[in-house]
Amino acid sequence: MTTAKTIPVTRNEAWGFWGTMDAHAQAAWPIAMNAISDATGQPFEAVRAFLDSRHGRHFADEVLNRMHAGHALHDAIRAATRQWMEWTIGRRTSKDYGIPRGLPYLTGFVIHCEIVEEEVAA
């Protein structure tokens, strides 16, 4: 039996991934949510926290750069996801954010954003 997970909506339409993607946001959101969740193994709620953050805005910049280079939306999101998974957390980023060194950049920031969101809600 297959159960479909509901993709949470953005909480930040003016900023983050959604605001940066502008006219592409509606189509890009579910693609990015699934791609990032699949790549990082993190739940949709954590991915939403990431995409709604300033880090999500930077991720969207990478997607838009690839779209301007001629990639279709889906391919641009996949390529950006792969790129962010290839980058690793370095010494400085680890010190600044408390993310373990060597962790894939995307995984680290998805988890970091979820923790920050939980701390703010507490």
N, C-alpha and C. Protein backbone atom coordinates (compact mmCIF):
# COMPACT_ATOMS: atom_id res chain seq x y z
N MET A 1 0.83 -1.18 0.00
CA MET A 1 0.00 0.00 0.00
C MET A 1 0.88 1.25 0.00
N THR A 2 0.54 2.19 -0.83
CA THR A 2 1.30 3.43 -0.94
C THR A 2 0.53 4.55 -0.26
N THR A 3 1.24 5.32 0.54
CA THR A 3 0.63 6.49 1.15
C THR A 3 1.31 7.73 0.61
N ALA A 4 0.53 8.66 0.14
CA ALA A 4 1.09 9.90 -0.41
C ALA A 4 1.26 10.90 0.72
N LYS A 5 2.41 11.53 0.75
CA LYS A 5 2.67 12.57 1.73
C LYS A 5 2.23 13.90 1.14
N THR A 6 1.56 14.69 1.95
CA THR A 6 1.14 16.01 1.52
C THR A 6 2.32 16.97 1.63
N ILE A 7 2.56 17.69 0.57
CA ILE A 7 3.64 18.67 0.56
C ILE A 7 3.14 19.94 1.26
N PRO A 8 3.84 20.36 2.31
CA PRO A 8 3.41 21.58 2.99
C PRO A 8 3.61 22.82 2.11
N VAL A 9 2.76 23.80 2.31
CA VAL A 9 2.87 25.04 1.55
C VAL A 9 3.93 25.93 2.18
N THR A 10 4.41 26.86 1.40
CA THR A 10 5.38 27.82 1.92
C THR A 10 4.75 28.67 3.02
N ARG A 11 5.57 29.11 3.92
CA ARG A 11 5.16 30.08 4.94
C ARG A 11 5.80 31.44 4.65
N ASN A 12 6.42 31.54 3.48
CA ASN A 12 7.19 32.74 3.16
C ASN A 12 7.09 33.04 1.66
N GLU A 13 5.94 33.50 1.22
CA GLU A 13 5.75 33.79 -0.20
C GLU A 13 6.58 34.97 -0.70
N ALA A 14 6.98 35.85 0.19
CA ALA A 14 7.68 37.06 -0.23
C ALA A 14 9.20 36.90 -0.30
N TRP A 15 9.71 35.83 0.22
CA TRP A 15 11.16 35.71 0.39
C TRP A 15 11.55 34.27 0.17
N GLY A 16 12.75 33.87 0.51
CA GLY A 16 13.17 32.48 0.38
C GLY A 16 13.05 31.97 -1.05
N PHE A 17 12.88 30.67 -1.18
CA PHE A 17 12.78 30.02 -2.48
C PHE A 17 11.58 30.55 -3.26
N TRP A 18 10.42 30.58 -2.62
CA TRP A 18 9.18 30.98 -3.30
C TRP A 18 9.30 32.39 -3.87
N GLY A 19 9.70 33.33 -3.05
CA GLY A 19 9.80 34.71 -3.49
C GLY A 19 10.83 34.90 -4.59
N THR A 20 11.92 34.16 -4.53
CA THR A 20 12.97 34.27 -5.54
C THR A 20 12.54 33.65 -6.86
N MET A 21 11.80 32.55 -6.79
CA MET A 21 11.36 31.87 -8.01
C MET A 21 10.23 32.62 -8.70
N ASP A 22 9.57 33.52 -8.02
CA ASP A 22 8.55 34.43 -8.57
C ASP A 22 7.53 33.68 -9.42
N ALA A 23 7.47 33.92 -10.71
CA ALA A 23 6.44 33.33 -11.58
C ALA A 23 6.58 31.81 -11.69
N HIS A 24 7.74 31.28 -11.36
CA HIS A 24 7.98 29.84 -11.44
C HIS A 24 7.68 29.13 -10.12
N ALA A 25 7.37 29.89 -9.07
CA ALA A 25 7.27 29.32 -7.72
C ALA A 25 6.24 28.20 -7.62
N GLN A 26 5.06 28.41 -8.15
CA GLN A 26 3.99 27.42 -8.03
C GLN A 26 4.42 26.07 -8.61
N ALA A 27 5.02 26.08 -9.78
CA ALA A 27 5.47 24.84 -10.41
C ALA A 27 6.72 24.29 -9.75
N ALA A 28 7.61 25.16 -9.30
CA ALA A 28 8.90 24.73 -8.76
C ALA A 28 8.80 24.14 -7.36
N TRP A 29 7.87 24.62 -6.56
CA TRP A 29 7.78 24.21 -5.16
C TRP A 29 7.70 22.69 -4.98
N PRO A 30 6.73 22.01 -5.57
CA PRO A 30 6.65 20.56 -5.33
C PRO A 30 7.85 19.79 -5.90
N ILE A 31 8.40 20.27 -7.00
CA ILE A 31 9.58 19.62 -7.58
C ILE A 31 10.76 19.73 -6.61
N ALA A 32 10.98 20.94 -6.10
CA ALA A 32 12.09 21.17 -5.17
C ALA A 32 11.87 20.41 -3.86
N MET A 33 10.65 20.43 -3.35
CA MET A 33 10.36 19.71 -2.09
C MET A 33 10.72 18.23 -2.24
N ASN A 34 10.26 17.61 -3.31
CA ASN A 34 10.53 16.19 -3.52
C ASN A 34 12.00 15.92 -3.78
N ALA A 35 12.63 16.72 -4.63
CA ALA A 35 14.04 16.50 -4.96
C ALA A 35 14.93 16.62 -3.73
N ILE A 36 14.69 17.64 -2.92
CA ILE A 36 15.52 17.86 -1.73
C ILE A 36 15.25 16.80 -0.67
N SER A 37 14.00 16.47 -0.47
CA SER A 37 13.67 15.43 0.51
C SER A 37 14.28 14.09 0.11
N ASP A 38 14.18 13.75 -1.17
CA ASP A 38 14.76 12.49 -1.66
C ASP A 38 16.29 12.49 -1.50
N ALA A 39 16.92 13.61 -1.83
CA ALA A 39 18.39 13.68 -1.78
C ALA A 39 18.92 13.66 -0.35
N THR A 40 18.23 14.33 0.56
CA THR A 40 18.74 14.47 1.93
C THR A 40 18.18 13.43 2.89
N GLY A 41 17.06 12.82 2.52
CA GLY A 41 16.40 11.89 3.44
C GLY A 41 15.66 12.60 4.56
N GLN A 42 15.44 13.89 4.41
CA GLN A 42 14.77 14.68 5.45
C GLN A 42 13.28 14.85 5.11
N PRO A 43 12.45 15.02 6.15
CA PRO A 43 11.01 15.17 5.93
C PRO A 43 10.66 16.50 5.27
N PHE A 44 9.47 16.54 4.68
CA PHE A 44 9.02 17.75 4.00
C PHE A 44 9.03 18.98 4.91
N GLU A 45 8.72 18.81 6.17
CA GLU A 45 8.69 19.96 7.09
C GLU A 45 10.08 20.60 7.21
N ALA A 46 11.11 19.77 7.23
CA ALA A 46 12.48 20.29 7.29
C ALA A 46 12.85 20.97 5.98
N VAL A 47 12.44 20.37 4.87
CA VAL A 47 12.73 20.96 3.56
C VAL A 47 12.01 22.29 3.42
N ARG A 48 10.76 22.38 3.89
CA ARG A 48 10.05 23.64 3.83
C ARG A 48 10.79 24.72 4.63
N ALA A 49 11.27 24.38 5.82
CA ALA A 49 12.02 25.35 6.63
C ALA A 49 13.24 25.84 5.86
N PHE A 50 13.92 24.94 5.17
CA PHE A 50 15.08 25.32 4.37
C PHE A 50 14.68 26.24 3.22
N LEU A 51 13.66 25.82 2.46
CA LEU A 51 13.26 26.61 1.29
C LEU A 51 12.72 27.98 1.69
N ASP A 52 12.12 28.09 2.85
CA ASP A 52 11.59 29.38 3.31
C ASP A 52 12.67 30.30 3.88
N SER A 53 13.86 29.78 4.06
CA SER A 53 14.95 30.55 4.67
C SER A 53 15.78 31.30 3.61
N ARG A 54 16.74 32.05 4.09
CA ARG A 54 17.65 32.73 3.17
C ARG A 54 18.47 31.73 2.39
N HIS A 55 18.70 30.55 2.95
CA HIS A 55 19.43 29.51 2.23
C HIS A 55 18.59 28.99 1.06
N GLY A 56 17.28 28.96 1.25
CA GLY A 56 16.37 28.60 0.17
C GLY A 56 16.42 29.61 -0.96
N ARG A 57 16.60 30.88 -0.61
CA ARG A 57 16.76 31.92 -1.63
C ARG A 57 18.01 31.67 -2.45
N HIS A 58 19.09 31.27 -1.80
CA HIS A 58 20.34 30.98 -2.52
C HIS A 58 20.18 29.73 -3.39
N PHE A 59 19.44 28.75 -2.90
CA PHE A 59 19.16 27.57 -3.70
C PHE A 59 18.37 27.97 -4.95
N ALA A 60 17.37 28.83 -4.77
CA ALA A 60 16.57 29.32 -5.91
C ALA A 60 17.44 30.07 -6.91
N ASP A 61 18.40 30.85 -6.41
CA ASP A 61 19.32 31.55 -7.32
C ASP A 61 20.05 30.55 -8.21
N GLU A 62 20.47 29.43 -7.63
CA GLU A 62 21.16 28.40 -8.42
C GLU A 62 20.21 27.80 -9.46
N VAL A 63 18.97 27.56 -9.07
CA VAL A 63 17.98 27.03 -10.03
C VAL A 63 17.77 28.02 -11.16
N LEU A 64 17.58 29.29 -10.83
CA LEU A 64 17.34 30.31 -11.87
C LEU A 64 18.55 30.47 -12.78
N ASN A 65 19.76 30.40 -12.23
CA ASN A 65 20.96 30.47 -13.06
C ASN A 65 20.96 29.35 -14.10
N ARG A 66 20.57 28.18 -13.68
CA ARG A 66 20.54 27.04 -14.60
C ARG A 66 19.41 27.19 -15.62
N MET A 67 18.29 27.76 -15.21
CA MET A 67 17.20 28.00 -16.15
C MET A 67 17.63 29.03 -17.20
N HIS A 68 18.34 30.07 -16.76
CA HIS A 68 18.83 31.08 -17.70
C HIS A 68 19.86 30.50 -18.67
N ALA A 69 20.50 29.41 -18.25
CA ALA A 69 21.47 28.73 -19.12
C ALA A 69 20.79 27.73 -20.07
N GLY A 70 19.45 27.68 -20.00
CA GLY A 70 18.72 26.85 -20.95
C GLY A 70 18.11 25.57 -20.41
N HIS A 71 18.29 25.29 -19.12
CA HIS A 71 17.72 24.08 -18.53
C HIS A 71 16.23 24.27 -18.25
N ALA A 72 15.46 23.22 -18.44
CA ALA A 72 14.05 23.23 -18.05
C ALA A 72 13.97 23.26 -16.52
N LEU A 73 12.85 23.70 -15.99
CA LEU A 73 12.68 23.85 -14.54
C LEU A 73 13.05 22.58 -13.79
N HIS A 74 12.49 21.47 -14.17
CA HIS A 74 12.74 20.21 -13.47
C HIS A 74 14.23 19.86 -13.50
N ASP A 75 14.86 20.00 -14.64
CA ASP A 75 16.29 19.70 -14.77
C ASP A 75 17.14 20.68 -13.97
N ALA A 76 16.73 21.94 -13.93
CA ALA A 76 17.47 22.95 -13.17
C ALA A 76 17.43 22.63 -11.68
N ILE A 77 16.28 22.21 -11.19
CA ILE A 77 16.16 21.86 -9.77
C ILE A 77 16.99 20.62 -9.46
N ARG A 78 16.93 19.62 -10.32
CA ARG A 78 17.74 18.42 -10.11
C ARG A 78 19.23 18.75 -10.10
N ALA A 79 19.67 19.59 -11.03
CA ALA A 79 21.08 19.96 -11.11
C ALA A 79 21.52 20.75 -9.88
N ALA A 80 20.68 21.68 -9.44
CA ALA A 80 21.01 22.46 -8.24
C ALA A 80 21.08 21.55 -7.02
N THR A 81 20.17 20.61 -6.94
CA THR A 81 20.17 19.66 -5.82
C THR A 81 21.45 18.84 -5.83
N ARG A 82 21.82 18.33 -6.98
CA ARG A 82 23.07 17.56 -7.08
C ARG A 82 24.28 18.41 -6.66
N GLN A 83 24.31 19.66 -7.15
CA GLN A 83 25.43 20.54 -6.82
C GLN A 83 25.52 20.76 -5.31
N TRP A 84 24.40 21.07 -4.68
CA TRP A 84 24.40 21.33 -3.24
C TRP A 84 24.74 20.07 -2.44
N MET A 85 24.46 18.90 -2.99
CA MET A 85 24.82 17.65 -2.31
C MET A 85 26.30 17.33 -2.50
N GLU A 86 26.90 17.82 -3.57
CA GLU A 86 28.33 17.60 -3.81
C GLU A 86 29.19 18.50 -2.93
N TRP A 87 28.73 19.72 -2.67
CA TRP A 87 29.48 20.61 -1.78
C TRP A 87 29.43 20.04 -0.37
N THR A 88 30.48 20.24 0.38
CA THR A 88 30.48 19.77 1.76
C THR A 88 30.71 20.94 2.73
N ILE A 89 30.26 20.73 3.94
CA ILE A 89 30.42 21.74 4.99
C ILE A 89 31.90 21.80 5.36
N GLY A 90 32.44 23.00 5.29
CA GLY A 90 33.84 23.22 5.63
C GLY A 90 34.00 23.70 7.06
N ARG A 91 35.24 23.94 7.42
CA ARG A 91 35.58 24.35 8.79
C ARG A 91 34.84 25.62 9.21
N ARG A 92 34.86 26.63 8.36
CA ARG A 92 34.26 27.93 8.71
C ARG A 92 32.73 27.81 8.87
N THR A 93 32.09 27.15 7.92
CA THR A 93 30.64 26.98 7.99
C THR A 93 30.27 26.14 9.20
N SER A 94 31.05 25.13 9.49
CA SER A 94 30.81 24.31 10.67
C SER A 94 30.88 25.15 11.94
N LYS A 95 31.88 26.00 12.01
CA LYS A 95 32.04 26.87 13.18
C LYS A 95 30.90 27.88 13.28
N ASP A 96 30.52 28.48 12.15
CA ASP A 96 29.49 29.51 12.16
C ASP A 96 28.08 28.97 12.45
N TYR A 97 27.78 27.78 11.95
CA TYR A 97 26.42 27.25 12.05
C TYR A 97 26.29 26.03 12.93
N GLY A 98 27.39 25.44 13.35
CA GLY A 98 27.32 24.24 14.18
C GLY A 98 26.95 22.99 13.41
N ILE A 99 27.12 23.02 12.09
CA ILE A 99 26.82 21.86 11.25
C ILE A 99 28.10 21.03 11.16
N PRO A 100 28.00 19.72 11.33
CA PRO A 100 29.21 18.88 11.27
C PRO A 100 29.98 19.04 9.96
N ARG A 101 31.27 19.18 10.09
CA ARG A 101 32.16 19.32 8.95
C ARG A 101 32.10 18.06 8.08
N GLY A 102 32.11 18.25 6.76
CA GLY A 102 32.11 17.14 5.83
C GLY A 102 30.72 16.68 5.40
N LEU A 103 29.69 17.12 6.09
CA LEU A 103 28.32 16.77 5.72
C LEU A 103 27.97 17.44 4.40
N PRO A 104 27.17 16.79 3.53
CA PRO A 104 26.75 17.49 2.32
C PRO A 104 26.08 18.81 2.67
N TYR A 105 26.40 19.84 1.93
CA TYR A 105 25.91 21.19 2.18
C TYR A 105 24.38 21.24 2.28
N LEU A 106 23.71 20.60 1.34
CA LEU A 106 22.24 20.63 1.33
C LEU A 106 21.68 19.94 2.56
N THR A 107 22.17 18.78 2.88
CA THR A 107 21.70 18.06 4.06
C THR A 107 21.92 18.90 5.31
N GLY A 108 23.11 19.45 5.44
CA GLY A 108 23.43 20.26 6.62
C GLY A 108 22.51 21.44 6.81
N PHE A 109 22.23 22.16 5.73
CA PHE A 109 21.39 23.34 5.87
C PHE A 109 19.90 23.01 6.00
N VAL A 110 19.46 21.90 5.43
CA VAL A 110 18.07 21.49 5.66
C VAL A 110 17.87 21.18 7.14
N ILE A 111 18.78 20.41 7.72
CA ILE A 111 18.68 20.07 9.14
C ILE A 111 18.83 21.32 10.00
N HIS A 112 19.78 22.17 9.66
CA HIS A 112 20.00 23.41 10.42
C HIS A 112 18.74 24.27 10.43
N CYS A 113 18.11 24.43 9.28
CA CYS A 113 16.91 25.28 9.20
C CYS A 113 15.75 24.68 9.99
N GLU A 114 15.65 23.37 10.00
CA GLU A 114 14.60 22.74 10.80
C GLU A 114 14.83 22.99 12.29
N ILE A 115 16.07 22.88 12.74
CA ILE A 115 16.39 23.12 14.14
C ILE A 115 16.10 24.56 14.52
N VAL A 116 16.50 25.49 13.67
CA VAL A 116 16.24 26.91 13.94
C VAL A 116 14.75 27.17 14.03
N GLU A 117 13.98 26.60 13.13
CA GLU A 117 12.52 26.78 13.15
C GLU A 117 11.91 26.23 14.44
N GLU A 118 12.40 25.08 14.88
CA GLU A 118 11.90 24.48 16.12
C GLU A 118 12.27 25.34 17.33
N GLU A 119 13.47 25.91 17.34
CA GLU A 119 13.89 26.78 18.44
C GLU A 119 13.04 28.04 18.51
N VAL A 120 12.71 28.61 17.36
CA VAL A 120 11.90 29.83 17.33
C VAL A 120 10.49 29.53 17.82
N ALA A 121 9.98 28.36 17.49
CA ALA A 121 8.61 27.99 17.88
C ALA A 121 8.50 27.67 19.36
N ALA A 122 9.61 27.29 20.00
CA ALA A 122 9.58 26.88 21.42
C ALA A 122 9.41 28.05 22.35
